[in-house]
Amino acid sequence: MSDLEAERRGIQKRVVRVLQLGVIPGGLAMTSGYAAAALLGSEITGSETKGALAAMCLSLGGTLLGLPLGVIMARRGRRLGLTIGYLSGALGGFLASVAALTGAYILLVLGMVLIGSGQASNLAARYTGADLASDQDRAESMSLVMWANTVGSVLGPTIGLGLTSLGSENSTARFALPYIFSTVLFSIAASIIFKSLKPDPLHIAAKFGGVSDIKPPSFSALKKLVSHPTARLGLLGMMLSQAVMVGVMTVTPLHMKDGGQSTAFIGLMISLHIVGMYAFSPLVGKLTDHFGCEVMIGLGALMLALGAEVASHTSAPDAMGHIVGLFLVGVGWNFCIVAAGSLIVSAFEPGIRVATQASADVLMTATGATAGISSGLAVEQRSFHDLAHWAMFVGLALAVITTISVVRRQKVVKNDEVPAT
């Protein structure tokens, strides 16, 4: 091993550790706020649609703020971009806590949009973990950062909704505590990243790769992302898996509440869902590096479809059906996000990666935001069962698209192997 390669590996290991330390409180802050959003929004307004809209604003914030954060990272490095994202999330938590105390729905909406910036930082952290990774361990490096979400994200809904029990059951003010909790934790995440993510991994990766100019997100980067066959499959994997996960997850707490289930138990269900989303990331990363990204996206799509269909046949008072269905949705999402993200990173040279990664995450969160809005309307106009059943078909569609891509690639490989006559 050369001295340069040893230096790269040493920095890479330290970067992953620092990112994990930042992602833990960041994930805890984000999920604590998300878990309370739909319930608080529906109590303030008396509308389940507006409650779902408040929760969906997390994805909307990731969409609106993901590109500006990508520009900051391209120009000033990952450290500053991630820090600003987490600090914006802290401001969002503060605004949402004021909304709970005053009953001002607009402050909840603004707060959730800014909390979405914290989510954007958590998403960008997984790419940061891959900046210095090799082709052989790229998916595993990303998955190790994602895995750190398990600790914070699993506890977030349970603690966040558990804190609401400290206040009066008939007052929206009891939801202030989860958001104060989020504010403190986002601030901790920002502090860890700002103080410890040195040297900046993106700058080091550019030096090792001989890159002098890192492109910020732009329309041309988006065109490259959409036109590249490998990246396009990764993009579809991210977008459709996000649509299924957000669409089903946004309205499940409201469905369970209609069945008389307690906020503490709803928080437990969300926590177990997030176990599926993150806990198996290191294993998924290893499997992705070994079996290939397309195979893992296809398997993840089938799990998404199965989980959504289980949820669609679950009545509101049935706790176990929600737990099993949403857990499978979480695992399927994890398969798709790890594998699809690795496809997108591998498709482009280092100088354009930040731009394409930010564009992909923005499109993914925009799809999630659309799914969140649609889910609330679908439940109000039809039913939770119909919504989850439709989500199953989206998962199956992704499995079919992936299968077609694999078959086409194998045909190209076989044709290339045929000797010329």
Protein backbone atom coordinates (compact mmCIF):
# COMPACT_ATOMS: atom_id res chain seq x y z
CA MET A 1 0.00 0.00 0.00
CA SER A 2 1.38 3.40 -1.02
CA ASP A 3 1.81 6.23 1.48
CA LEU A 4 -0.88 8.20 -0.36
CA GLU A 5 -3.36 5.33 -0.14
CA ALA A 6 -2.61 4.82 3.57
CA GLU A 7 -3.20 8.53 4.17
CA ARG A 8 -6.50 8.38 2.29
CA ARG A 9 -7.72 5.39 4.31
CA GLY A 10 -6.72 6.98 7.60
CA ILE A 11 -8.59 10.20 6.84
CA GLN A 12 -11.58 8.23 5.54
CA LYS A 13 -11.94 6.25 8.79
CA ARG A 14 -11.82 9.45 10.85
CA VAL A 15 -14.34 11.19 8.58
CA VAL A 16 -16.83 8.31 8.97
CA ARG A 17 -16.47 8.40 12.77
CA VAL A 18 -17.07 12.17 12.93
CA LEU A 19 -20.07 11.90 10.61
CA GLN A 20 -21.54 9.16 12.76
CA LEU A 21 -21.20 11.33 15.87
CA GLY A 22 -23.01 14.18 14.08
CA VAL A 23 -25.70 12.06 12.47
CA ILE A 24 -26.78 10.50 15.79
CA PRO A 25 -28.11 13.73 17.37
CA GLY A 26 -29.17 14.99 13.93
CA GLY A 27 -31.32 11.92 13.35
CA LEU A 28 -32.73 12.04 16.86
CA ALA A 29 -33.69 15.71 16.37
CA MET A 30 -35.25 15.15 12.95
CA THR A 31 -37.41 12.16 13.85
CA SER A 32 -38.54 13.65 17.15
CA GLY A 33 -39.92 16.63 15.23
CA TYR A 34 -41.35 14.54 12.41
CA ALA A 35 -43.17 12.15 14.73
CA ALA A 36 -45.06 15.00 16.38
CA ALA A 37 -45.82 17.04 13.24
CA ALA A 38 -48.93 15.30 11.87
CA LEU A 39 -50.52 14.98 15.32
CA LEU A 40 -49.81 18.59 16.29
CA GLY A 41 -50.94 19.91 12.90
CA SER A 42 -54.23 18.00 13.06
CA GLU A 43 -54.90 19.17 16.63
CA ILE A 44 -54.23 22.83 15.78
CA THR A 45 -56.40 22.83 12.65
CA GLY A 46 -58.85 19.94 13.17
CA SER A 47 -57.87 18.61 9.72
CA GLU A 48 -55.98 15.37 9.05
CA THR A 49 -54.99 16.71 5.63
CA LYS A 50 -53.33 19.75 7.21
CA GLY A 51 -51.73 17.48 9.78
CA ALA A 52 -50.21 15.36 7.01
CA LEU A 53 -49.20 18.58 5.21
CA ALA A 54 -47.24 19.73 8.27
CA ALA A 55 -45.33 16.42 8.37
CA MET A 56 -44.76 16.58 4.61
CA CYS A 57 -43.08 19.98 5.05
CA LEU A 58 -40.03 18.08 6.31
CA SER A 59 -39.59 16.69 2.78
CA LEU A 60 -40.47 20.08 1.29
CA GLY A 61 -37.71 21.69 3.35
CA GLY A 62 -35.21 19.10 2.16
CA THR A 63 -36.24 19.89 -1.41
CA LEU A 64 -36.08 23.68 -1.09
CA LEU A 65 -32.89 23.82 0.96
CA GLY A 66 -30.99 20.84 -0.45
CA LEU A 67 -29.69 22.73 -3.50
CA PRO A 68 -28.44 25.80 -1.56
CA LEU A 69 -26.64 23.46 0.82
CA GLY A 70 -25.14 21.67 -2.19
CA VAL A 71 -23.88 24.99 -3.56
CA ILE A 72 -22.27 25.80 -0.20
CA MET A 73 -20.59 22.38 -0.09
CA ALA A 74 -19.25 22.71 -3.63
CA ARG A 75 -17.80 26.17 -2.93
CA ARG A 76 -16.84 25.97 0.76
CA GLY A 77 -16.73 22.27 1.60
CA ARG A 78 -18.84 19.62 3.31
CA ARG A 79 -18.09 20.94 6.81
CA LEU A 80 -19.73 24.33 6.37
CA GLY A 81 -22.66 22.98 4.36
CA LEU A 82 -23.54 20.29 6.90
CA THR A 83 -23.17 22.76 9.80
CA ILE A 84 -25.52 25.31 8.23
CA GLY A 85 -28.07 22.57 7.52
CA TYR A 86 -28.11 21.46 11.15
CA LEU A 87 -28.30 25.03 12.49
CA SER A 88 -31.28 25.70 10.21
CA GLY A 89 -32.89 22.58 11.67
CA ALA A 90 -32.34 23.98 15.18
CA LEU A 91 -34.13 27.20 14.18
CA GLY A 92 -36.97 25.09 12.77
CA GLY A 93 -37.33 23.21 16.04
CA PHE A 94 -37.59 26.51 17.91
CA LEU A 95 -40.31 27.83 15.58
CA ALA A 96 -42.29 24.59 15.87
CA SER A 97 -42.12 24.76 19.68
CA VAL A 98 -43.57 28.28 19.51
CA ALA A 99 -46.31 26.93 17.24
CA ALA A 100 -47.21 24.32 19.85
CA LEU A 101 -47.39 26.97 22.57
CA THR A 102 -49.41 29.49 20.55
CA GLY A 103 -51.44 27.27 18.21
CA ALA A 104 -50.02 29.11 15.17
CA TYR A 105 -50.15 26.57 12.34
CA ILE A 106 -48.02 28.71 10.00
CA LEU A 107 -45.11 28.57 12.47
CA LEU A 108 -45.37 24.77 12.50
CA VAL A 109 -45.18 24.76 8.69
CA LEU A 110 -42.15 27.06 8.66
CA GLY A 111 -40.52 25.10 11.45
CA MET A 112 -40.93 21.77 9.65
CA VAL A 113 -39.50 23.27 6.45
CA LEU A 114 -36.37 24.29 8.35
CA ILE A 115 -36.18 20.93 10.11
CA GLY A 116 -36.10 19.55 6.56
CA SER A 117 -32.74 21.34 6.20
CA GLY A 118 -31.47 19.19 9.06
CA GLN A 119 -32.73 16.14 7.18
CA ALA A 120 -30.87 17.37 4.07
CA SER A 121 -27.65 17.47 6.10
CA ASN A 122 -28.24 13.94 7.35
CA LEU A 123 -28.77 12.77 3.75
CA ALA A 124 -25.69 14.62 2.50
CA ALA A 125 -23.62 13.06 5.29
CA ARG A 126 -23.87 9.64 3.63
CA TYR A 127 -22.31 11.05 0.45
CA THR A 128 -19.67 12.76 2.56
CA GLY A 129 -18.80 9.32 3.91
CA ALA A 130 -18.16 8.18 0.33
CA ASP A 131 -15.97 11.13 -0.73
CA LEU A 132 -12.75 9.28 0.10
CA ALA A 133 -14.03 5.71 -0.34
CA SER A 134 -12.69 3.34 -2.99
CA ASP A 135 -14.82 1.63 -5.62
CA GLN A 136 -14.68 -1.59 -3.59
CA ASP A 137 -16.11 -0.19 -0.35
CA ARG A 138 -18.18 2.80 -1.46
CA ALA A 139 -21.60 1.37 -0.54
CA GLU A 140 -20.26 0.09 2.79
CA SER A 141 -18.83 3.53 3.66
CA MET A 142 -22.15 5.21 2.91
CA SER A 143 -24.04 2.58 4.87
CA LEU A 144 -21.87 3.05 7.98
CA VAL A 145 -22.89 6.71 8.11
CA MET A 146 -26.53 5.80 7.50
CA TRP A 147 -26.33 3.18 10.26
CA ALA A 148 -25.56 5.91 12.80
CA ASN A 149 -29.08 7.19 12.18
CA THR A 150 -30.34 4.07 13.96
CA VAL A 151 -29.37 5.26 17.43
CA GLY A 152 -30.92 8.70 17.16
CA SER A 153 -33.74 8.05 14.74
CA VAL A 154 -35.11 5.00 16.54
CA LEU A 155 -35.26 6.77 19.89
CA GLY A 156 -36.53 10.06 18.43
CA PRO A 157 -40.21 9.21 17.90
CA THR A 158 -40.50 7.28 21.17
CA ILE A 159 -38.85 10.02 23.22
CA GLY A 160 -40.47 12.87 21.29
CA LEU A 161 -44.02 11.57 21.57
CA GLY A 162 -43.32 10.29 25.07
CA LEU A 163 -42.51 13.85 26.12
CA THR A 164 -46.02 14.91 25.10
CA SER A 165 -47.41 12.85 27.98
CA LEU A 166 -45.89 15.38 30.41
CA GLY A 167 -48.47 18.00 29.42
CA SER A 168 -52.23 18.22 29.38
CA GLU A 169 -53.86 15.81 26.93
CA ASN A 170 -56.18 18.55 25.70
CA SER A 171 -53.50 21.19 25.05
CA THR A 172 -51.28 21.58 21.97
CA ALA A 173 -48.62 23.03 24.31
CA ARG A 174 -47.60 19.49 25.27
CA PHE A 175 -46.00 19.18 21.81
CA ALA A 176 -43.51 21.98 22.58
CA LEU A 177 -41.13 19.63 24.42
CA PRO A 178 -40.32 17.39 21.40
CA TYR A 179 -39.36 20.48 19.41
CA ILE A 180 -37.26 22.01 22.18
CA PHE A 181 -35.56 18.61 22.28
CA SER A 182 -34.95 18.84 18.51
CA THR A 183 -33.51 22.35 18.80
CA VAL A 184 -30.91 21.29 21.35
CA LEU A 185 -29.89 18.16 19.43
CA PHE A 186 -29.55 19.88 16.05
CA SER A 187 -27.29 22.43 17.77
CA ILE A 188 -25.14 19.59 19.14
CA ALA A 189 -24.88 18.01 15.67
CA ALA A 190 -23.81 21.35 14.16
CA SER A 191 -21.16 21.80 16.85
CA ILE A 192 -19.67 18.33 16.31
CA ILE A 193 -19.41 18.73 12.54
CA PHE A 194 -18.02 22.27 12.66
CA LYS A 195 -15.36 21.44 15.25
CA SER A 196 -14.30 17.97 14.11
CA LEU A 197 -14.81 17.52 10.35
CA LYS A 198 -11.26 18.64 9.59
CA PRO A 199 -9.68 18.34 7.09
CA ASP A 200 -12.71 18.67 4.84
CA PRO A 201 -13.16 15.30 3.06
CA LEU A 202 -14.38 16.89 -0.16
CA HIS A 203 -11.25 19.02 -0.44
CA ILE A 204 -9.03 16.01 0.28
CA ALA A 205 -10.90 13.91 -2.29
CA ALA A 206 -10.41 16.66 -4.88
CA LYS A 207 -6.69 16.74 -4.13
CA PHE A 208 -6.32 12.97 -4.43
CA GLY A 209 -8.39 12.97 -7.63
CA GLY A 210 -6.52 15.84 -9.22
CA VAL A 211 -9.69 17.94 -9.37
CA SER A 212 -9.29 21.72 -9.23
CA ASP A 213 -12.93 22.74 -9.77
CA ILE A 214 -15.91 21.22 -7.93
CA LYS A 215 -19.11 22.03 -9.78
CA PRO A 216 -22.11 23.33 -7.79
CA PRO A 217 -25.64 22.02 -8.49
CA SER A 218 -26.97 23.31 -11.81
CA PHE A 219 -29.35 22.46 -14.61
CA SER A 220 -26.51 20.89 -16.60
CA ALA A 221 -25.73 18.59 -13.66
CA LEU A 222 -29.40 17.61 -13.54
CA LYS A 223 -29.30 16.81 -17.27
CA LYS A 224 -26.25 14.60 -16.75
CA LEU A 225 -27.99 12.81 -13.92
CA VAL A 226 -31.11 12.09 -15.96
CA SER A 227 -29.30 11.17 -19.18
CA HIS A 228 -26.77 8.75 -17.67
CA PRO A 229 -28.32 5.21 -17.75
CA THR A 230 -26.71 4.02 -14.51
CA ALA A 231 -27.42 7.22 -12.61
CA ARG A 232 -30.98 7.32 -13.97
CA LEU A 233 -31.72 3.90 -12.46
CA GLY A 234 -30.25 5.06 -9.16
CA LEU A 235 -32.37 8.20 -9.29
CA LEU A 236 -35.56 6.20 -9.93
CA GLY A 237 -34.65 3.88 -7.07
CA MET A 238 -34.31 6.82 -4.69
CA MET A 239 -37.42 8.65 -5.87
CA LEU A 240 -39.87 5.73 -5.97
CA SER A 241 -38.69 4.19 -2.71
CA GLN A 242 -39.00 7.60 -1.04
CA ALA A 243 -42.52 7.98 -2.44
CA VAL A 244 -43.64 4.66 -0.96
CA MET A 245 -41.96 5.24 2.39
CA VAL A 246 -43.12 8.84 2.92
CA GLY A 247 -46.59 8.23 1.48
CA VAL A 248 -47.38 5.35 3.82
CA MET A 249 -45.49 6.68 6.83
CA THR A 250 -47.06 10.16 6.80
CA VAL A 251 -50.62 8.95 7.36
CA THR A 252 -50.05 5.79 9.42
CA PRO A 253 -49.89 7.70 12.75
CA LEU A 254 -53.24 9.34 11.93
CA HIS A 255 -54.72 5.96 10.97
CA MET A 256 -53.55 4.45 14.25
CA LYS A 257 -54.87 7.42 16.22
CA ASP A 258 -58.29 6.87 14.59
CA GLY A 259 -58.10 3.33 15.95
CA GLY A 260 -57.67 4.59 19.51
CA GLN A 261 -53.97 3.79 19.84
CA SER A 262 -51.91 5.95 22.20
CA THR A 263 -49.29 8.49 21.10
CA ALA A 264 -46.63 6.51 23.00
CA PHE A 265 -47.45 3.36 21.02
CA ILE A 266 -47.55 5.30 17.76
CA GLY A 267 -44.06 6.56 18.62
CA LEU A 268 -42.93 2.98 19.20
CA MET A 269 -44.27 1.94 15.79
CA ILE A 270 -42.38 4.79 14.10
CA SER A 271 -39.21 3.81 15.98
CA LEU A 272 -39.43 0.22 14.75
CA HIS A 273 -40.06 1.48 11.24
CA ILE A 274 -36.85 3.49 11.50
CA VAL A 275 -35.00 0.42 12.78
CA GLY A 276 -35.83 -1.09 9.41
CA MET A 277 -34.67 2.08 7.63
CA TYR A 278 -31.21 2.21 9.21
CA ALA A 279 -30.20 -0.66 11.50
CA PHE A 280 -29.18 -3.07 8.73
CA SER A 281 -27.23 -0.49 6.71
CA PRO A 282 -23.73 -2.01 7.21
CA LEU A 283 -24.98 -5.43 6.08
CA VAL A 284 -26.84 -3.88 3.15
CA GLY A 285 -23.68 -1.98 2.17
CA LYS A 286 -21.59 -5.16 2.14
CA LEU A 287 -24.24 -7.02 0.14
CA THR A 288 -24.45 -4.15 -2.33
CA ASP A 289 -20.68 -4.13 -2.89
CA HIS A 290 -20.78 -7.93 -3.35
CA PHE A 291 -23.94 -8.58 -5.40
CA GLY A 292 -24.34 -5.27 -7.22
CA CYS A 293 -26.59 -2.25 -6.88
CA GLU A 294 -29.31 -3.34 -9.31
CA VAL A 295 -29.98 -6.59 -7.49
CA MET A 296 -30.34 -4.78 -4.17
CA ILE A 297 -32.66 -2.13 -5.59
CA GLY A 298 -34.88 -4.89 -6.99
CA LEU A 299 -35.00 -6.74 -3.67
CA GLY A 300 -35.71 -3.51 -1.82
CA ALA A 301 -38.56 -2.68 -4.19
CA LEU A 302 -40.19 -6.06 -3.51
CA MET A 303 -39.93 -5.49 0.25
CA LEU A 304 -41.50 -2.04 -0.14
CA ALA A 305 -44.40 -3.59 -2.04
CA LEU A 306 -44.88 -6.34 0.53
CA GLY A 307 -44.78 -3.93 3.48
CA ALA A 308 -47.23 -1.53 1.87
CA GLU A 309 -49.64 -4.37 1.09
CA VAL A 310 -49.47 -5.66 4.68
CA ALA A 311 -50.30 -2.14 5.88
CA SER A 312 -53.18 -1.85 3.41
CA HIS A 313 -54.88 -4.89 4.98
CA THR A 314 -54.44 -3.64 8.56
CA SER A 315 -57.36 -2.10 10.45
CA ALA A 316 -56.81 1.02 12.55
CA PRO A 317 -56.82 -0.72 15.99
CA ASP A 318 -54.43 -3.51 14.84
CA ALA A 319 -50.98 -2.65 16.22
CA MET A 320 -49.05 -5.69 14.95
CA GLY A 321 -50.07 -5.24 11.32
CA HIS A 322 -48.79 -1.66 11.34
CA ILE A 323 -45.52 -2.69 12.98
CA VAL A 324 -44.81 -5.50 10.48
CA GLY A 325 -45.87 -3.53 7.41
CA LEU A 326 -43.95 -0.36 8.26
CA PHE A 327 -40.88 -2.34 9.33
CA LEU A 328 -40.75 -4.01 5.90
CA VAL A 329 -41.23 -0.66 4.20
CA GLY A 330 -38.26 0.66 6.19
CA VAL A 331 -36.00 -2.26 5.25
CA GLY A 332 -36.97 -2.00 1.58
CA TRP A 333 -36.23 1.74 1.62
CA ASN A 334 -32.79 1.04 3.11
CA PHE A 335 -31.92 -1.46 0.37
CA CYS A 336 -32.94 1.03 -2.32
CA ILE A 337 -31.28 4.14 -0.84
CA VAL A 338 -27.90 2.51 -0.15
CA ALA A 339 -27.70 0.81 -3.55
CA ALA A 340 -29.13 3.73 -5.54
CA GLY A 341 -26.83 6.24 -3.84
CA SER A 342 -23.82 4.06 -4.64
CA LEU A 343 -24.90 3.90 -8.31
CA ILE A 344 -25.09 7.69 -8.52
CA VAL A 345 -21.67 8.21 -6.88
CA SER A 346 -19.99 5.66 -9.17
CA ALA A 347 -21.52 7.15 -12.33
CA PHE A 348 -19.61 10.46 -12.22
CA GLU A 349 -16.10 11.80 -11.75
CA PRO A 350 -15.30 13.61 -8.46
CA GLY A 351 -15.65 17.13 -9.84
CA ILE A 352 -19.34 16.72 -10.69
CA ARG A 353 -20.40 14.42 -7.85
CA VAL A 354 -21.55 17.08 -5.38
CA ALA A 355 -23.78 18.62 -8.05
CA THR A 356 -25.36 15.32 -9.11
CA GLN A 357 -25.73 14.09 -5.53
CA ALA A 358 -27.49 17.27 -4.42
CA SER A 359 -29.74 17.15 -7.50
CA ALA A 360 -30.64 13.52 -6.80
CA ASP A 361 -31.48 14.22 -3.16
CA VAL A 362 -33.61 17.22 -4.12
CA LEU A 363 -35.58 15.14 -6.62
CA MET A 364 -35.94 12.37 -4.04
CA THR A 365 -37.23 14.68 -1.32
CA ALA A 366 -39.51 16.45 -3.81
CA THR A 367 -41.02 13.08 -4.67
CA GLY A 368 -41.45 12.40 -0.97
CA ALA A 369 -43.13 15.77 -0.47
CA THR A 370 -45.53 15.05 -3.32
CA ALA A 371 -46.28 11.63 -1.85
CA GLY A 372 -46.89 13.20 1.57
CA ILE A 373 -49.42 15.68 0.18
CA SER A 374 -51.09 13.00 -1.93
CA SER A 375 -51.30 10.58 0.98
CA GLY A 376 -53.28 13.00 3.13
CA LEU A 377 -55.68 13.77 0.30
CA ALA A 378 -56.02 10.08 -0.62
CA VAL A 379 -56.91 9.09 2.94
CA GLU A 380 -59.40 11.93 3.28
CA GLN A 381 -61.07 11.20 -0.08
CA ARG A 382 -60.73 7.39 -0.11
CA SER A 383 -59.07 5.46 2.75
CA PHE A 384 -55.76 4.47 4.31
CA HIS A 385 -56.21 0.99 2.86
CA ASP A 386 -56.47 2.33 -0.70
CA LEU A 387 -53.43 4.58 -0.23
CA ALA A 388 -51.22 1.74 1.03
CA HIS A 389 -52.47 -0.55 -1.75
CA TRP A 390 -51.51 2.03 -4.39
CA ALA A 391 -48.08 2.32 -2.76
CA MET A 392 -47.66 -1.43 -3.26
CA PHE A 393 -48.00 -0.95 -7.03
CA VAL A 394 -45.32 1.75 -6.98
CA GLY A 395 -42.95 -0.71 -5.31
CA LEU A 396 -43.74 -3.38 -7.90
CA ALA A 397 -43.15 -0.86 -10.70
CA LEU A 398 -39.66 -0.15 -9.36
CA ALA A 399 -38.93 -3.90 -9.22
CA VAL A 400 -40.00 -4.27 -12.86
CA ILE A 401 -37.90 -1.27 -13.99
CA THR A 402 -34.85 -2.68 -12.22
CA THR A 403 -35.34 -6.14 -13.71
CA ILE A 404 -35.56 -4.68 -17.23
CA SER A 405 -32.34 -2.72 -16.60
CA VAL A 406 -30.49 -5.84 -15.44
CA VAL A 407 -31.69 -7.88 -18.41
CA ARG A 408 -30.63 -5.18 -20.87
CA ARG A 409 -27.20 -4.86 -19.26
CA GLN A 410 -26.65 -8.61 -19.40
CA LYS A 411 -27.56 -8.63 -23.10
CA VAL A 412 -25.02 -5.88 -23.77
CA VAL A 413 -22.34 -7.83 -21.87
CA LYS A 414 -23.10 -11.04 -23.81
CA ASN A 415 -22.99 -9.18 -27.13
CA ASP A 416 -19.63 -7.68 -26.21
CA GLU A 417 -18.30 -11.15 -25.42
CA VAL A 418 -19.27 -12.57 -28.83
CA PRO A 419 -16.10 -12.66 -30.98
CA ALA A 420 -16.19 -10.75 -34.25
CA THR A 421 -16.43 -12.91 -37.42
